[in-house]
């Protein structure tokens, strides 16, 4: 699932191409909105909220999209030929630019006044103008026994961290992924680092946490299971890290079921917390 900086960058591209211009084409290729036509309306804004994209148009309407696992937006000059693809879910175009959304996990149109219905549950946005570090820390601490890896992925605590930054953030702070978040030393500094990581990468494609742009050297632990830690040489471990899983002892750290799911977690809000692979160094991130 895309990280918050990827979605922020997509919103920036959409804003630069669409905002302030009148739509000459709107093509919704999802059944519910197949007859929706926004042609003739001016796009007023395109912004990200965590991993959600909100494109506002005249008349008090918002086009809400979410990339989910495989979605992406491509922006091209309108003079170029739009590729014919069954993967396109939405096309928005004006007299200069055309934007095509591929494999979007969510496409819907709703009143702008009701945007809170789809993003109101989110915690402070790491890349938002209203970022509130104190509120993010407060939300994380409402579940002090939750594993750190799970808590930082929960978009209700802070919006924007995905699996890449979860793994890299915890490594950089020396935090075992299953350490209770309430036991993290200097939680505000960890939250601050999360924001700085996303901010440093928001204007480029890809995620670099090591400082090296060389291919294969971008990450400390993410995607490096079974390889040597860049710091200490210990083998990097990997395990599933969903809301009901904890690692077991053993050289491969295979996951087993454990009672770590937060009470009252709804299926819709839990969608961003599905099982994912966690990577960590057992030496640099000792088990609590």
Protein backbone atom coordinates (compact mmCIF):
# COMPACT_ATOMS: atom_id res chain seq x y z
CA UNK A 1 0.00 0.00 0.00
CA UNK A 2 1.44 3.42 -0.95
CA UNK A 3 3.03 5.54 1.76
CA UNK A 4 1.68 8.95 2.70
CA UNK A 5 4.43 10.78 0.82
CA UNK A 6 3.48 8.96 -2.40
CA UNK A 7 -0.13 10.07 -2.00
CA UNK A 8 0.99 13.62 -1.16
CA UNK A 9 3.03 13.70 -4.38
CA UNK A 10 0.05 12.40 -6.38
CA UNK A 11 -2.14 15.15 -4.91
CA UNK A 12 0.46 17.75 -5.84
CA UNK A 13 0.56 16.56 -9.46
CA UNK A 14 -3.23 16.53 -9.68
CA UNK A 15 -3.42 20.00 -8.14
CA UNK A 16 -0.87 21.42 -10.57
CA UNK A 17 -2.68 19.88 -13.55
CA UNK A 18 -6.33 20.38 -12.60
CA UNK A 19 -6.83 23.11 -9.97
CA UNK A 20 -8.19 26.38 -11.33
CA UNK A 21 -9.17 24.81 -14.65
CA UNK A 22 -12.56 23.74 -15.98
CA UNK A 23 -13.05 20.06 -16.66
CA UNK A 24 -13.65 19.22 -20.31
CA UNK A 25 -13.91 15.50 -19.59
CA UNK A 26 -14.86 13.33 -16.66
CA UNK A 27 -15.06 9.61 -17.26
CA UNK A 28 -15.96 7.43 -14.27
CA UNK A 29 -15.39 3.77 -15.07
CA UNK A 30 -16.94 2.32 -11.96
CA UNK A 31 -20.58 1.14 -12.06
CA UNK A 32 -21.94 3.36 -9.29
CA UNK A 33 -20.76 6.58 -10.96
CA UNK A 34 -20.81 5.55 -14.61
CA UNK A 35 -23.33 8.30 -15.45
CA UNK A 36 -21.70 11.01 -13.30
CA UNK A 37 -20.57 13.98 -15.40
CA UNK A 38 -18.47 16.78 -13.93
CA UNK A 39 -17.73 18.41 -17.27
CA UNK A 40 -17.97 22.19 -17.09
CA UNK A 41 -17.09 22.39 -13.40
CA UNK A 42 -13.87 23.98 -12.22
CA UNK A 43 -11.54 21.97 -10.02
CA UNK A 44 -10.82 24.08 -6.96
CA UNK A 45 -8.34 21.90 -5.08
CA UNK A 46 -6.68 18.49 -4.88
CA UNK A 47 -5.16 17.42 -1.60
CA UNK A 48 -4.13 14.38 0.34
CA UNK A 49 -5.38 13.37 3.76
CA UNK A 50 -3.20 10.54 4.95
CA UNK A 51 -3.53 8.01 2.15
CA UNK A 52 -6.77 9.48 0.78
CA UNK A 53 -7.02 11.87 -2.19
CA UNK A 54 -9.69 14.57 -2.23
CA UNK A 55 -10.29 16.48 -5.47
CA UNK A 56 -12.81 19.27 -4.96
CA UNK A 57 -14.89 20.75 -7.77
CA UNK A 58 -17.38 23.58 -8.11
CA UNK A 59 -20.82 22.94 -6.76
CA UNK A 60 -19.66 21.58 -3.42
CA UNK A 61 -18.59 18.15 -4.65
CA UNK A 62 -15.49 16.11 -3.87
CA UNK A 63 -14.04 13.20 -5.83
CA UNK A 64 -12.63 10.84 -3.21
CA UNK A 65 -10.07 8.27 -4.34
CA UNK A 66 -7.77 5.84 -2.57
CA UNK A 67 -4.87 4.02 -4.21
CA UNK A 68 -5.14 0.95 -1.95
CA UNK A 69 -2.50 -1.62 -2.94
CA UNK A 70 -1.92 -1.05 -6.66
CA UNK A 71 -3.55 2.25 -7.61
CA UNK A 72 -1.74 5.14 -9.27
CA UNK A 73 -2.42 8.40 -11.08
CA UNK A 74 -0.77 9.40 -14.35
CA UNK A 75 -0.87 12.98 -15.65
CA UNK A 76 -0.21 13.72 -19.33
CA UNK A 77 -0.67 16.65 -21.71
CA UNK A 78 -4.12 16.53 -23.23
CA UNK A 79 -2.52 16.51 -26.69
CA UNK A 80 -1.10 13.08 -25.99
CA UNK A 81 -3.04 9.92 -26.67
CA UNK A 82 -4.72 8.43 -23.62
CA UNK A 83 -3.73 4.75 -23.38
CA UNK A 84 -6.56 2.29 -23.74
CA UNK A 85 -6.51 0.23 -20.59
CA UNK A 86 -9.06 -1.78 -18.67
CA UNK A 87 -7.20 -0.71 -15.52
CA UNK A 88 -8.32 2.92 -15.77
CA UNK A 89 -11.04 3.72 -13.23
CA UNK A 90 -11.32 7.50 -13.67
CA UNK A 91 -10.26 10.18 -16.16
CA UNK A 92 -10.36 13.91 -15.36
CA UNK A 93 -9.18 16.32 -18.05
CA UNK A 94 -9.15 19.98 -19.03
CA UNK A 95 -7.91 21.80 -22.12
CA UNK A 96 -4.27 21.32 -21.07
CA UNK A 97 -3.90 18.20 -18.95
CA UNK A 98 -5.50 14.79 -18.51
CA UNK A 99 -5.24 12.67 -15.38
CA UNK A 100 -5.99 8.94 -15.39
CA UNK A 101 -6.44 6.90 -12.24
CA UNK A 102 -5.41 3.25 -12.60
CA UNK A 103 -6.60 0.43 -10.35
CA UNK A 104 -7.96 2.86 -7.80
CA UNK A 105 -9.26 1.01 -4.77
CA UNK A 106 -11.89 3.66 -4.03
CA UNK A 107 -13.68 6.03 -6.43
CA UNK A 108 -16.64 8.00 -5.17
CA UNK A 109 -18.27 11.41 -5.36
CA UNK A 110 -19.62 13.00 -2.20
CA UNK A 111 -20.59 16.44 -0.93
CA UNK A 112 -17.50 18.36 0.15
CA UNK A 113 -19.29 19.12 3.40
CA UNK A 114 -19.28 15.38 4.16
CA UNK A 115 -15.59 14.67 3.59
CA UNK A 116 -15.34 13.86 7.29
CA UNK A 117 -17.42 10.77 6.60
CA UNK A 118 -14.44 9.23 4.78
CA UNK A 119 -11.43 10.87 6.46
CA UNK A 120 -12.76 12.03 9.81
CA UNK A 121 -11.45 8.94 11.59
CA UNK A 122 -7.85 9.69 10.61
CA UNK A 123 -5.27 10.93 13.05
CA UNK A 124 -3.04 13.95 12.41
CA UNK A 125 -1.66 14.00 8.86
CA UNK A 126 2.13 13.73 8.89
CA UNK A 127 2.36 15.95 5.80
CA UNK A 128 -0.69 18.09 6.46
CA UNK A 129 -0.62 21.82 7.19
CA UNK A 130 -2.43 21.10 10.44
CA UNK A 131 0.03 18.46 11.67
CA UNK A 132 -0.22 18.08 15.44
CA UNK A 133 2.58 15.99 16.92
CA UNK A 134 1.17 16.20 20.43
CA UNK A 135 -2.17 14.80 19.31
CA UNK A 136 -0.44 11.96 17.47
CA UNK A 137 1.47 11.02 20.62
CA UNK A 138 -1.72 11.22 22.67
CA UNK A 139 -3.53 8.88 20.28
CA UNK A 140 -0.68 6.39 20.25
CA UNK A 141 -0.71 6.32 24.03
CA UNK A 142 -4.42 5.49 24.24
CA UNK A 143 -3.34 1.90 23.53
CA UNK A 144 -0.04 1.62 25.42
CA UNK A 145 0.09 -2.18 25.15
CA UNK A 146 -0.28 -2.28 21.38
CA UNK A 147 2.83 -3.44 19.50
CA UNK A 148 4.70 -0.47 18.06
CA UNK A 149 4.55 -1.79 14.49
CA UNK A 150 0.79 -2.11 14.71
CA UNK A 151 0.24 1.24 16.41
CA UNK A 152 2.24 3.24 13.85
CA UNK A 153 0.35 1.61 10.97
CA UNK A 154 -3.01 2.53 12.46
CA UNK A 155 -4.09 5.58 10.49
CA UNK A 156 -6.33 6.64 13.37
CA UNK A 157 -3.21 7.46 15.38
CA UNK A 158 -1.27 9.33 12.73
CA UNK A 159 -1.99 9.33 9.02
CA UNK A 160 0.60 8.51 6.40
CA UNK A 161 2.88 5.76 7.72
CA UNK A 162 2.86 2.63 5.57
CA UNK A 163 4.81 -0.58 5.79
CA UNK A 164 8.08 0.80 4.41
CA UNK A 165 8.28 3.67 6.88
CA UNK A 166 7.03 1.52 9.73
CA UNK A 167 9.96 -0.85 9.30
CA UNK A 168 12.53 1.86 8.67
CA UNK A 169 11.33 4.12 11.48
CA UNK A 170 11.47 1.38 14.08
CA UNK A 171 14.93 0.33 12.94
CA UNK A 172 16.29 3.86 13.07
CA UNK A 173 14.96 4.26 16.62
CA UNK A 174 16.10 0.80 17.75
CA UNK A 175 12.55 -0.33 18.54
CA UNK A 176 11.49 -3.97 18.28
CA UNK A 177 8.27 -4.13 16.18
CA UNK A 178 6.39 -5.94 18.97
CA UNK A 179 7.51 -3.65 21.81
CA UNK A 180 4.44 -2.07 23.43
CA UNK A 181 4.14 1.49 22.18
CA UNK A 182 3.80 2.71 25.75
CA UNK A 183 7.33 1.45 26.48
CA UNK A 184 8.99 3.41 23.68
CA UNK A 185 11.63 5.74 25.06
CA UNK A 186 10.97 9.29 23.84
CA UNK A 187 7.85 8.61 21.80
CA UNK A 188 7.65 12.28 20.65
CA UNK A 189 11.08 11.94 19.02
CA UNK A 190 9.92 8.80 17.21
CA UNK A 191 6.83 10.59 15.93
CA UNK A 192 8.99 13.52 14.83
CA UNK A 193 11.28 11.20 12.89
CA UNK A 194 8.28 9.68 11.11
CA UNK A 195 7.30 13.11 9.86
CA UNK A 196 10.85 13.98 8.82
CA UNK A 197 11.20 10.75 6.83
CA UNK A 198 8.02 11.40 4.85
CA UNK A 199 8.84 15.07 4.37
CA UNK A 200 12.31 14.25 3.03
CA UNK A 201 10.86 11.94 0.38
CA UNK A 202 7.63 13.67 -0.63
CA UNK A 203 9.04 15.36 -3.74
CA UNK A 204 10.67 12.31 -5.28
CA UNK A 205 9.68 8.89 -6.53
CA UNK A 206 10.62 6.14 -4.11
CA UNK A 207 11.58 6.11 -0.44
CA UNK A 208 15.15 6.66 0.73
CA UNK A 209 15.96 6.26 4.42
CA UNK A 210 19.69 5.42 4.31
CA UNK A 211 20.73 8.57 2.46
CA UNK A 212 21.92 6.54 -0.54
CA UNK A 213 20.17 6.76 -3.89
CA UNK A 214 22.06 3.74 -5.26
CA UNK A 215 19.82 0.92 -6.43
CA UNK A 216 19.37 -1.62 -3.65
CA UNK A 217 20.79 0.66 -0.96
CA UNK A 218 17.72 2.80 -0.24
CA UNK A 219 16.53 0.96 2.88
CA UNK A 220 17.98 -0.30 6.12
CA UNK A 221 15.73 -3.33 6.68
CA UNK A 222 12.61 -3.13 4.50
CA UNK A 223 12.62 -5.87 1.85
CA UNK A 224 15.93 -7.25 3.13
CA UNK A 225 14.83 -10.39 5.00
CA UNK A 226 17.65 -12.92 5.22
CA UNK A 227 20.32 -10.37 4.31
CA UNK A 228 22.92 -8.78 6.57
CA UNK A 229 22.11 -5.68 8.60
CA UNK A 230 23.95 -2.70 7.17
CA UNK A 231 24.98 -1.66 10.69
CA UNK A 232 25.87 -4.81 12.61
CA UNK A 233 25.88 -7.68 10.09
CA UNK A 234 23.13 -9.68 11.82
CA UNK A 235 20.62 -11.40 9.54
CA UNK A 236 17.46 -9.34 9.02
CA UNK A 237 14.31 -11.17 10.14
CA UNK A 238 10.81 -10.97 8.69
CA UNK A 239 7.32 -11.94 9.85
CA UNK A 240 3.69 -11.15 9.16
CA UNK A 241 2.57 -8.23 11.31
CA UNK A 242 -1.20 -7.92 11.30
CA UNK A 243 -3.57 -6.89 14.07
CA UNK A 244 -3.78 -10.44 15.44
CA UNK A 245 -0.21 -11.66 15.03
CA UNK A 246 2.95 -11.72 17.12
CA UNK A 247 6.28 -13.40 16.34
CA UNK A 248 7.34 -16.66 17.90
CA UNK A 249 10.82 -17.59 19.01
CA UNK A 250 12.99 -19.23 16.38
CA UNK A 251 15.46 -18.42 13.63
CA UNK A 252 12.79 -17.60 11.06
CA UNK A 253 10.46 -15.73 13.43
CA UNK A 254 7.32 -17.34 12.01
CA UNK A 255 4.11 -15.61 13.09
CA UNK A 256 1.46 -17.12 15.34
CA UNK A 257 -1.85 -15.84 16.49
CA UNK A 258 -1.93 -13.58 19.51
CA UNK A 259 -4.49 -11.33 21.23
CA UNK A 260 -3.19 -7.97 20.00
CA UNK A 261 -6.19 -6.67 18.08
CA UNK A 262 -7.62 -3.41 19.39
CA UNK A 263 -11.14 -3.69 20.75
CA UNK A 264 -13.85 -2.11 18.68
CA UNK A 265 -11.79 -1.90 15.50
CA UNK A 266 -14.29 -1.68 12.64
CA UNK A 267 -13.76 -3.47 9.34
CA UNK A 268 -13.64 -0.22 7.35
CA UNK A 269 -11.13 1.55 9.57
CA UNK A 270 -9.08 -1.64 9.90
CA UNK A 271 -8.56 -1.91 6.14
CA UNK A 272 -5.27 -0.03 6.41
CA UNK A 273 -4.07 -2.41 9.12
CA UNK A 274 -4.19 -5.66 7.17
CA UNK A 275 -1.43 -8.21 7.67
CA UNK A 276 1.91 -7.04 6.23
CA UNK A 277 5.47 -8.23 6.30
CA UNK A 278 7.64 -6.67 8.98
CA UNK A 279 11.44 -6.57 8.66
CA UNK A 280 13.77 -5.90 11.58
CA UNK A 281 17.26 -6.51 12.93
CA UNK A 282 17.17 -8.61 16.13
CA UNK A 283 20.45 -7.07 17.31
CA UNK A 284 19.76 -3.40 16.60
CA UNK A 285 16.12 -3.81 17.68
CA UNK A 286 16.32 -6.15 20.68
CA UNK A 287 13.25 -8.02 21.81
CA UNK A 288 11.59 -6.48 24.89
